[in-house]
């Protein structure tokens, strides 16, 4: 729950998108920041999976990533706090260097987290556990949104964002301490024999060839990454104040919070595949609504904030449901004795799709934002059709 609260303070689709746009004024830079944090999360997982699969204790890997990302985020906040008098270009370069480091270190957490949770929580309870995590985290995120409103109004740019990132670091520190205190259940069997990294990599090819569910799920994740190409650009579609950023973060949190009971029940009672299907279908709605807004050509300008509040409520609900479905389905199709390897294979193979928001920024700058949202809607529809083929 504390992780969800901390993640809200560094949300790439609201807080970081507005911060980077304020620093650079460039849609490409906004897309790059969103792509870096997603790619960085996925990039180290293949190596972490290789080393974690050879050991029966995976908690030390979690600790390295969890406490490391706190240190990176605190350093990034200090940079922004002291950056008031820095040269603009130097501040931007330093921000992206630290943001990349934070993203990569954060990715170390994913493999051990998936494995420890899957060994701690039975399959028929995992979706509800994740929904409870997001519900409690959503309540914390509301508090973060309220504080963000006050910080961003009271403090000059970029000091307000520095304070918000430091709040995120504190919540992520609490999250790491709670998770570590829960300890790690015994892994099934002995650690895998060291077969060498090259043979471990060849195992990914064997899984893709012989495991149809894994293969289709990977293709679906690629389409999901394409649908996410528009995420950092919703907040740029309206004239906004710093207070509006906090309001839209609150709307996104409200959507996630309100949908949690439904997603938790659906995933455990109706199955993870069906939850994936519902979420991917719902993912079409937000880009279509935004295309309608763009087509209105300013005729609805007085309704901008409530209109995009609805869009962000939908984004919050779909984002939360997608995370619950993705984690639940990946845990479900991964063999108990090879879960770190499966997590590493899947996330490494899905990693290139995480950089697509960068391409979205380039498309927006060269063509239009409408082209980005149209591509997002088409990818979400194709993802829905592909997920229907999963078992």
Protein backbone atom coordinates (compact mmCIF):
# COMPACT_ATOMS: atom_id res chain seq x y z
CA UNK A 1 0.00 0.00 0.00
CA UNK A 2 2.83 2.38 0.82
CA UNK A 3 4.37 1.59 -2.56
CA UNK A 4 1.16 2.73 -4.30
CA UNK A 5 1.20 5.96 -2.34
CA UNK A 6 4.84 6.55 -3.21
CA UNK A 7 4.26 5.72 -6.86
CA UNK A 8 1.52 8.37 -7.01
CA UNK A 9 4.06 11.04 -6.05
CA UNK A 10 6.19 10.14 -9.09
CA UNK A 11 3.36 9.20 -11.47
CA UNK A 12 4.80 9.41 -15.01
CA UNK A 13 1.47 10.36 -16.61
CA UNK A 14 0.74 13.40 -14.41
CA UNK A 15 3.51 14.56 -12.06
CA UNK A 16 6.56 13.63 -14.16
CA UNK A 17 4.87 14.54 -17.46
CA UNK A 18 4.09 18.05 -16.15
CA UNK A 19 7.56 18.40 -14.59
CA UNK A 20 9.41 17.41 -17.78
CA UNK A 21 7.17 19.61 -19.91
CA UNK A 22 7.93 22.50 -17.56
CA UNK A 23 11.66 21.82 -17.83
CA UNK A 24 11.80 21.31 -21.60
CA UNK A 25 8.51 22.23 -23.30
CA UNK A 26 9.05 19.22 -25.56
CA UNK A 27 6.54 16.37 -26.19
CA UNK A 28 9.49 14.15 -27.17
CA UNK A 29 11.08 14.70 -23.75
CA UNK A 30 7.76 13.95 -22.03
CA UNK A 31 7.47 10.70 -23.99
CA UNK A 32 11.10 9.87 -23.26
CA UNK A 33 10.58 10.23 -19.49
CA UNK A 34 7.57 7.89 -19.60
CA UNK A 35 9.40 5.40 -21.82
CA UNK A 36 12.53 5.43 -19.66
CA UNK A 37 10.68 4.58 -16.46
CA UNK A 38 8.84 1.66 -18.12
CA UNK A 39 11.87 0.36 -19.99
CA UNK A 40 14.10 0.79 -16.94
CA UNK A 41 11.65 -1.27 -14.89
CA UNK A 42 11.88 -4.14 -17.37
CA UNK A 43 15.50 -3.89 -18.55
CA UNK A 44 17.40 -5.53 -15.63
CA UNK A 45 14.94 -8.33 -15.02
CA UNK A 46 16.56 -10.93 -17.24
CA UNK A 47 19.84 -10.70 -15.29
CA UNK A 48 18.02 -10.60 -11.95
CA UNK A 49 16.00 -13.66 -12.98
CA UNK A 50 19.17 -15.57 -13.90
CA UNK A 51 20.83 -14.96 -10.54
CA UNK A 52 17.62 -15.31 -8.51
CA UNK A 53 16.77 -18.65 -10.16
CA UNK A 54 20.09 -20.05 -8.87
CA UNK A 55 19.24 -19.19 -5.24
CA UNK A 56 16.57 -20.29 -2.82
CA UNK A 57 16.41 -16.83 -1.18
CA UNK A 58 15.22 -13.97 -3.40
CA UNK A 59 14.57 -11.32 -0.74
CA UNK A 60 18.14 -9.85 -0.95
CA UNK A 61 17.45 -8.94 -4.59
CA UNK A 62 14.26 -7.16 -3.53
CA UNK A 63 16.16 -5.25 -0.84
CA UNK A 64 18.81 -4.08 -3.32
CA UNK A 65 16.19 -2.67 -5.67
CA UNK A 66 13.77 -1.30 -3.06
CA UNK A 67 16.28 0.59 -0.95
CA UNK A 68 18.30 1.56 -4.03
CA UNK A 69 15.34 3.28 -5.68
CA UNK A 70 14.66 5.24 -2.48
CA UNK A 71 18.23 6.57 -2.57
CA UNK A 72 17.92 7.47 -6.27
CA UNK A 73 14.61 9.27 -5.80
CA UNK A 74 15.88 11.23 -2.80
CA UNK A 75 18.93 12.30 -4.84
CA UNK A 76 16.66 13.34 -7.71
CA UNK A 77 14.54 15.43 -5.31
CA UNK A 78 17.69 17.09 -3.95
CA UNK A 79 18.77 17.88 -7.52
CA UNK A 80 15.47 19.63 -8.28
CA UNK A 81 15.54 21.46 -4.94
CA UNK A 82 19.00 22.83 -5.61
CA UNK A 83 18.31 23.36 -9.32
CA UNK A 84 16.65 26.75 -8.95
CA UNK A 85 19.82 28.55 -9.92
CA UNK A 86 21.29 25.89 -12.20
CA UNK A 87 21.64 26.32 -15.95
CA UNK A 88 18.54 25.01 -17.68
CA UNK A 89 20.33 22.51 -19.93
CA UNK A 90 22.48 21.14 -17.11
CA UNK A 91 19.41 20.59 -14.94
CA UNK A 92 17.60 18.71 -17.71
CA UNK A 93 20.59 16.45 -18.43
CA UNK A 94 21.13 15.71 -14.73
CA UNK A 95 17.42 14.99 -14.28
CA UNK A 96 17.36 12.43 -17.09
CA UNK A 97 20.55 10.73 -15.86
CA UNK A 98 19.12 10.29 -12.36
CA UNK A 99 15.65 9.37 -13.66
CA UNK A 100 17.19 6.61 -15.78
CA UNK A 101 19.19 5.29 -12.83
CA UNK A 102 16.08 5.35 -10.62
CA UNK A 103 14.12 3.45 -13.26
CA UNK A 104 16.72 0.70 -13.73
CA UNK A 105 17.29 0.20 -10.00
CA UNK A 106 13.51 0.00 -9.50
CA UNK A 107 13.35 -2.85 -12.03
CA UNK A 108 15.45 -5.11 -9.80
CA UNK A 109 12.42 -5.43 -7.50
CA UNK A 110 9.98 -7.02 -9.96
CA UNK A 111 11.31 -10.59 -10.23
CA UNK A 112 11.74 -11.24 -6.48
CA UNK A 113 8.44 -9.48 -5.73
CA UNK A 114 6.46 -11.70 -8.13
CA UNK A 115 8.11 -14.85 -6.80
CA UNK A 116 7.74 -14.04 -3.09
CA UNK A 117 4.10 -12.95 -3.44
CA UNK A 118 3.22 -16.02 -5.51
CA UNK A 119 4.76 -18.29 -2.84
CA UNK A 120 3.06 -16.39 -0.02
CA UNK A 121 -0.49 -16.00 -1.42
CA UNK A 122 -2.61 -18.80 -2.88
CA UNK A 123 -3.77 -18.42 -6.49
CA UNK A 124 -7.44 -17.96 -5.57
CA UNK A 125 -6.55 -15.04 -3.28
CA UNK A 126 -3.97 -13.15 -5.34
CA UNK A 127 -6.30 -10.83 -7.23
CA UNK A 128 -7.99 -9.81 -3.98
CA UNK A 129 -4.63 -9.26 -2.31
CA UNK A 130 -3.53 -7.03 -5.19
CA UNK A 131 -6.88 -5.21 -5.10
CA UNK A 132 -6.48 -4.58 -1.36
CA UNK A 133 -2.97 -3.32 -2.00
CA UNK A 134 -4.30 -0.87 -4.57
CA UNK A 135 -7.25 0.13 -2.38
CA UNK A 136 -5.11 1.03 0.62
CA UNK A 137 -2.54 2.57 -1.68
CA UNK A 138 -5.31 4.56 -3.36
CA UNK A 139 -6.29 6.09 -0.03
CA UNK A 140 -2.66 7.08 0.51
CA UNK A 141 -2.50 8.41 -3.05
CA UNK A 142 -5.47 10.68 -2.31
CA UNK A 143 -3.43 12.15 0.53
CA UNK A 144 -0.49 12.53 -1.83
CA UNK A 145 -2.71 14.33 -4.36
CA UNK A 146 -3.95 16.71 -1.65
CA UNK A 147 -0.39 17.45 -0.54
CA UNK A 148 0.68 17.84 -4.17
CA UNK A 149 -2.01 20.49 -4.62
CA UNK A 150 -0.61 22.50 -1.71
CA UNK A 151 3.07 21.94 -2.55
CA UNK A 152 2.80 22.85 -6.22
CA UNK A 153 0.83 26.00 -5.43
CA UNK A 154 2.97 27.16 -2.50
CA UNK A 155 6.45 26.43 -3.87
CA UNK A 156 8.13 27.79 -6.98
CA UNK A 157 8.99 25.55 -9.94
CA UNK A 158 10.75 23.08 -9.69
CA UNK A 159 10.97 23.15 -5.86
CA UNK A 160 7.34 22.02 -5.49
CA UNK A 161 8.12 18.91 -7.53
CA UNK A 162 11.25 18.32 -5.45
CA UNK A 163 9.14 18.26 -2.28
CA UNK A 164 6.67 15.89 -3.92
CA UNK A 165 9.45 13.50 -5.01
CA UNK A 166 10.91 13.51 -1.50
CA UNK A 167 7.48 12.56 -0.15
CA UNK A 168 7.47 9.69 -2.65
CA UNK A 169 10.89 8.55 -1.44
CA UNK A 170 9.67 8.48 2.17
CA UNK A 171 6.62 6.36 1.27
CA UNK A 172 8.73 3.95 -0.80
CA UNK A 173 11.10 3.58 2.15
CA UNK A 174 8.16 2.61 4.39
CA UNK A 175 7.01 0.16 1.72
CA UNK A 176 10.41 -1.54 1.59
CA UNK A 177 10.61 -1.84 5.37
CA UNK A 178 7.17 -3.45 5.62
CA UNK A 179 7.82 -5.92 2.80
CA UNK A 180 11.18 -6.99 4.24
CA UNK A 181 9.65 -7.43 7.71
CA UNK A 182 7.15 -9.96 6.27
CA UNK A 183 10.10 -12.22 5.40
CA UNK A 184 10.30 -14.82 2.66
CA UNK A 185 8.68 -18.28 2.56
CA UNK A 186 10.86 -21.25 1.71
CA UNK A 187 11.42 -21.71 -2.02
CA UNK A 188 10.28 -25.04 -3.54
CA UNK A 189 13.22 -27.43 -3.95
CA UNK A 190 16.85 -26.51 -4.22
CA UNK A 191 18.40 -23.66 -6.15
CA UNK A 192 18.83 -24.31 -9.85
CA UNK A 193 22.20 -25.57 -11.05
CA UNK A 194 24.29 -22.87 -12.67
CA UNK A 195 23.87 -23.65 -16.36
CA UNK A 196 25.54 -20.49 -17.62
CA UNK A 197 23.90 -17.29 -18.81
CA UNK A 198 23.95 -18.27 -22.50
CA UNK A 199 21.98 -21.46 -21.83
CA UNK A 200 19.62 -19.52 -19.56
CA UNK A 201 18.96 -17.14 -22.46
CA UNK A 202 18.31 -20.03 -24.85
CA UNK A 203 15.66 -21.17 -22.40
CA UNK A 204 13.64 -18.08 -23.36
CA UNK A 205 13.47 -19.32 -26.94
CA UNK A 206 12.29 -22.74 -25.77
CA UNK A 207 9.54 -21.15 -23.69
CA UNK A 208 8.35 -18.99 -26.60
CA UNK A 209 8.26 -21.98 -28.98
CA UNK A 210 6.62 -24.50 -26.66
CA UNK A 211 4.40 -22.42 -24.36
CA UNK A 212 1.51 -21.04 -26.41
CA UNK A 213 0.01 -19.08 -23.49
CA UNK A 214 3.31 -17.38 -22.77
CA UNK A 215 3.76 -16.51 -26.44
CA UNK A 216 0.28 -15.03 -26.93
CA UNK A 217 0.49 -13.19 -23.61
CA UNK A 218 3.78 -11.62 -24.73
CA UNK A 219 2.21 -10.45 -28.00
CA UNK A 220 -0.72 -9.04 -26.03
CA UNK A 221 1.72 -7.17 -23.78
CA UNK A 222 3.38 -5.65 -26.83
CA UNK A 223 0.01 -4.39 -28.00
CA UNK A 224 -0.64 -3.11 -24.49
CA UNK A 225 2.64 -1.20 -24.67
CA UNK A 226 1.51 0.30 -27.97
CA UNK A 227 -1.82 1.30 -26.39
CA UNK A 228 0.16 2.98 -23.58
CA UNK A 229 1.93 5.19 -26.13
CA UNK A 230 -0.52 8.00 -25.35
CA UNK A 231 -0.43 7.89 -21.53
CA UNK A 232 1.97 10.81 -20.88
CA UNK A 233 0.12 13.08 -23.33
CA UNK A 234 -3.39 13.18 -21.84
CA UNK A 235 -2.30 15.79 -19.33
CA UNK A 236 -1.01 18.01 -22.17
CA UNK A 237 -4.41 18.23 -23.91
CA UNK A 238 -5.80 21.03 -21.76
CA UNK A 239 -4.68 24.41 -20.48
CA UNK A 240 -3.66 23.53 -16.96
CA UNK A 241 -2.38 25.05 -13.76
CA UNK A 242 -0.24 23.27 -11.20
CA UNK A 243 -3.42 22.76 -9.16
CA UNK A 244 -5.04 20.97 -12.14
CA UNK A 245 -2.17 18.44 -12.17
CA UNK A 246 -2.95 17.48 -8.57
CA UNK A 247 -6.69 17.33 -9.38
CA UNK A 248 -6.14 14.96 -12.32
CA UNK A 249 -3.84 12.81 -10.17
CA UNK A 250 -6.71 12.63 -7.66
CA UNK A 251 -9.17 11.68 -10.41
CA UNK A 252 -6.85 8.92 -11.62
CA UNK A 253 -6.53 7.67 -8.04
CA UNK A 254 -10.32 7.74 -7.60
CA UNK A 255 -10.77 5.57 -10.69
CA UNK A 256 -8.23 3.07 -9.42
CA UNK A 257 -9.76 3.05 -5.94
CA UNK A 258 -13.38 2.64 -7.02
CA UNK A 259 -12.60 -0.19 -9.44
CA UNK A 260 -10.48 -2.26 -7.04
CA UNK A 261 -13.28 -4.39 -5.53
CA UNK A 262 -14.51 -5.28 -9.02
CA UNK A 263 -11.07 -6.24 -10.34
CA UNK A 264 -10.21 -8.27 -7.23
CA UNK A 265 -13.46 -10.23 -7.35
CA UNK A 266 -13.31 -10.70 -11.12
CA UNK A 267 -9.74 -12.00 -11.20
CA UNK A 268 -10.28 -14.58 -8.44
CA UNK A 269 -13.81 -15.71 -9.33
CA UNK A 270 -13.94 -15.39 -13.12
CA UNK A 271 -10.25 -15.89 -13.91
CA UNK A 272 -7.22 -13.80 -14.80
CA UNK A 273 -7.69 -14.25 -18.54
CA UNK A 274 -11.23 -12.87 -18.46
CA UNK A 275 -10.01 -9.92 -16.38
CA UNK A 276 -7.38 -9.24 -19.04
CA UNK A 277 -10.13 -9.28 -21.66
CA UNK A 278 -12.34 -6.77 -19.80
CA UNK A 279 -9.48 -4.39 -19.08
CA UNK A 280 -8.14 -4.43 -22.64
CA UNK A 281 -11.64 -3.65 -23.98
CA UNK A 282 -12.03 -0.77 -21.51
CA UNK A 283 -8.64 0.55 -22.64
CA UNK A 284 -10.19 1.73 -25.91
CA UNK A 285 -12.46 4.29 -24.22
CA UNK A 286 -9.98 6.93 -22.94
CA UNK A 287 -8.16 7.51 -26.26
CA UNK A 288 -11.50 7.64 -28.11
CA UNK A 289 -12.80 10.28 -25.67
CA UNK A 290 -9.62 12.28 -26.16
CA UNK A 291 -9.95 12.06 -29.94
CA UNK A 292 -13.47 13.46 -29.51
CA UNK A 293 -12.05 16.33 -27.47
CA UNK A 294 -9.45 17.11 -30.14
CA UNK A 295 -12.13 16.98 -32.86
CA UNK A 296 -14.25 19.51 -30.91
CA UNK A 297 -11.54 22.10 -31.68
CA UNK A 298 -12.05 24.08 -28.48
CA UNK A 299 -15.87 24.18 -28.50
CA UNK A 300 -15.94 22.45 -25.11
CA UNK A 301 -13.13 24.51 -23.56
CA UNK A 302 -15.17 25.47 -20.48
CA UNK A 303 -15.66 21.77 -19.72
CA UNK A 304 -11.97 20.87 -19.96
CA UNK A 305 -11.33 19.99 -16.32
CA UNK A 306 -14.43 17.81 -15.69
CA UNK A 307 -14.05 16.17 -19.11
CA UNK A 308 -10.46 15.15 -18.46
CA UNK A 309 -11.30 14.23 -14.88
CA UNK A 310 -13.56 11.55 -16.40
CA UNK A 311 -10.76 10.49 -18.75
CA UNK A 312 -8.32 10.16 -15.84
CA UNK A 313 -10.87 8.22 -13.77
CA UNK A 314 -11.01 5.73 -16.66
CA UNK A 315 -7.21 5.68 -16.96
CA UNK A 316 -6.89 4.93 -13.25
CA UNK A 317 -9.43 2.11 -13.39
CA UNK A 318 -7.93 0.52 -16.51
CA UNK A 319 -4.37 0.93 -15.25
CA UNK A 320 -5.13 -0.76 -11.96
CA UNK A 321 -7.12 -3.55 -13.56
CA UNK A 322 -4.37 -4.11 -16.09
CA UNK A 323 -1.72 -4.42 -13.38
CA UNK A 324 -3.81 -6.87 -11.34
CA UNK A 325 -4.58 -8.93 -14.44
CA UNK A 326 -1.00 -8.85 -15.75
CA UNK A 327 0.62 -9.87 -12.47
CA UNK A 328 -2.03 -12.49 -11.74
CA UNK A 329 -1.85 -14.11 -15.17
CA UNK A 330 1.96 -14.13 -15.26
CA UNK A 331 2.07 -15.78 -11.82
CA UNK A 332 -0.56 -18.27 -12.98
CA UNK A 333 1.26 -19.47 -16.11
CA UNK A 334 4.73 -19.57 -14.49
CA UNK A 335 5.84 -22.97 -13.08
CA UNK A 336 6.48 -22.78 -9.34
CA UNK A 337 10.09 -23.91 -9.66
CA UNK A 338 10.86 -21.56 -12.60
CA UNK A 339 8.91 -18.42 -11.70
CA UNK A 340 11.96 -16.08 -11.55
CA UNK A 341 13.05 -17.29 -14.99
CA UNK A 342 9.57 -16.85 -16.47
CA UNK A 343 9.25 -13.34 -15.00
CA UNK A 344 12.68 -12.42 -16.35
CA UNK A 345 12.02 -13.84 -19.81
CA UNK A 346 8.63 -12.19 -20.12
CA UNK A 347 9.60 -8.74 -18.88
CA UNK A 348 12.85 -8.63 -20.86
CA UNK A 349 11.04 -9.59 -24.07
CA UNK A 350 8.32 -7.01 -23.36
CA UNK A 351 10.84 -4.26 -22.51
CA UNK A 352 11.24 -2.72 -26.00
CA UNK A 353 7.52 -1.88 -26.08
CA UNK A 354 8.03 0.26 -22.99
CA UNK A 355 9.97 2.80 -25.04
CA UNK A 356 7.06 3.47 -27.40
CA UNK A 357 5.93 6.66 -25.57
CA UNK A 358 9.18 8.19 -26.83
CA UNK A 359 8.02 7.37 -30.36
CA UNK A 360 4.64 8.83 -29.40
CA UNK A 361 6.32 12.13 -28.57
CA UNK A 362 8.05 12.11 -31.94
CA UNK A 363 4.74 11.37 -33.72
CA UNK A 364 3.01 14.17 -31.81
CA UNK A 365 5.74 16.64 -32.72
CA UNK A 366 5.92 15.59 -36.37
CA UNK A 367 2.21 14.94 -36.99
CA UNK A 368 -0.34 15.56 -34.25
CA UNK A 369 -1.55 14.33 -30.88
CA UNK A 370 -4.60 12.93 -32.67
CA UNK A 371 -2.39 10.43 -34.50
CA UNK A 372 -0.97 9.23 -31.16
CA UNK A 373 -4.41 8.69 -29.60
CA UNK A 374 -5.73 6.97 -32.74
CA UNK A 375 -2.80 4.54 -32.65
CA UNK A 376 -3.44 3.92 -28.94
CA UNK A 377 -7.11 3.11 -29.52
CA UNK A 378 -6.32 0.75 -32.42
CA UNK A 379 -3.69 -1.12 -30.37
CA UNK A 380 -6.09 -1.52 -27.42
CA UNK A 381 -8.70 -3.05 -29.73
CA UNK A 382 -6.16 -5.47 -31.24
CA UNK A 383 -5.01 -6.41 -27.73
CA UNK A 384 -8.61 -7.24 -26.79
CA UNK A 385 -8.96 -9.53 -29.83
CA UNK A 386 -5.68 -11.29 -29.04
CA UNK A 387 -6.46 -11.78 -25.34
CA UNK A 388 -9.67 -13.58 -26.33
CA UNK A 389 -7.43 -16.32 -27.78
CA UNK A 390 -5.67 -16.94 -24.45
CA UNK A 391 -6.54 -19.86 -22.18
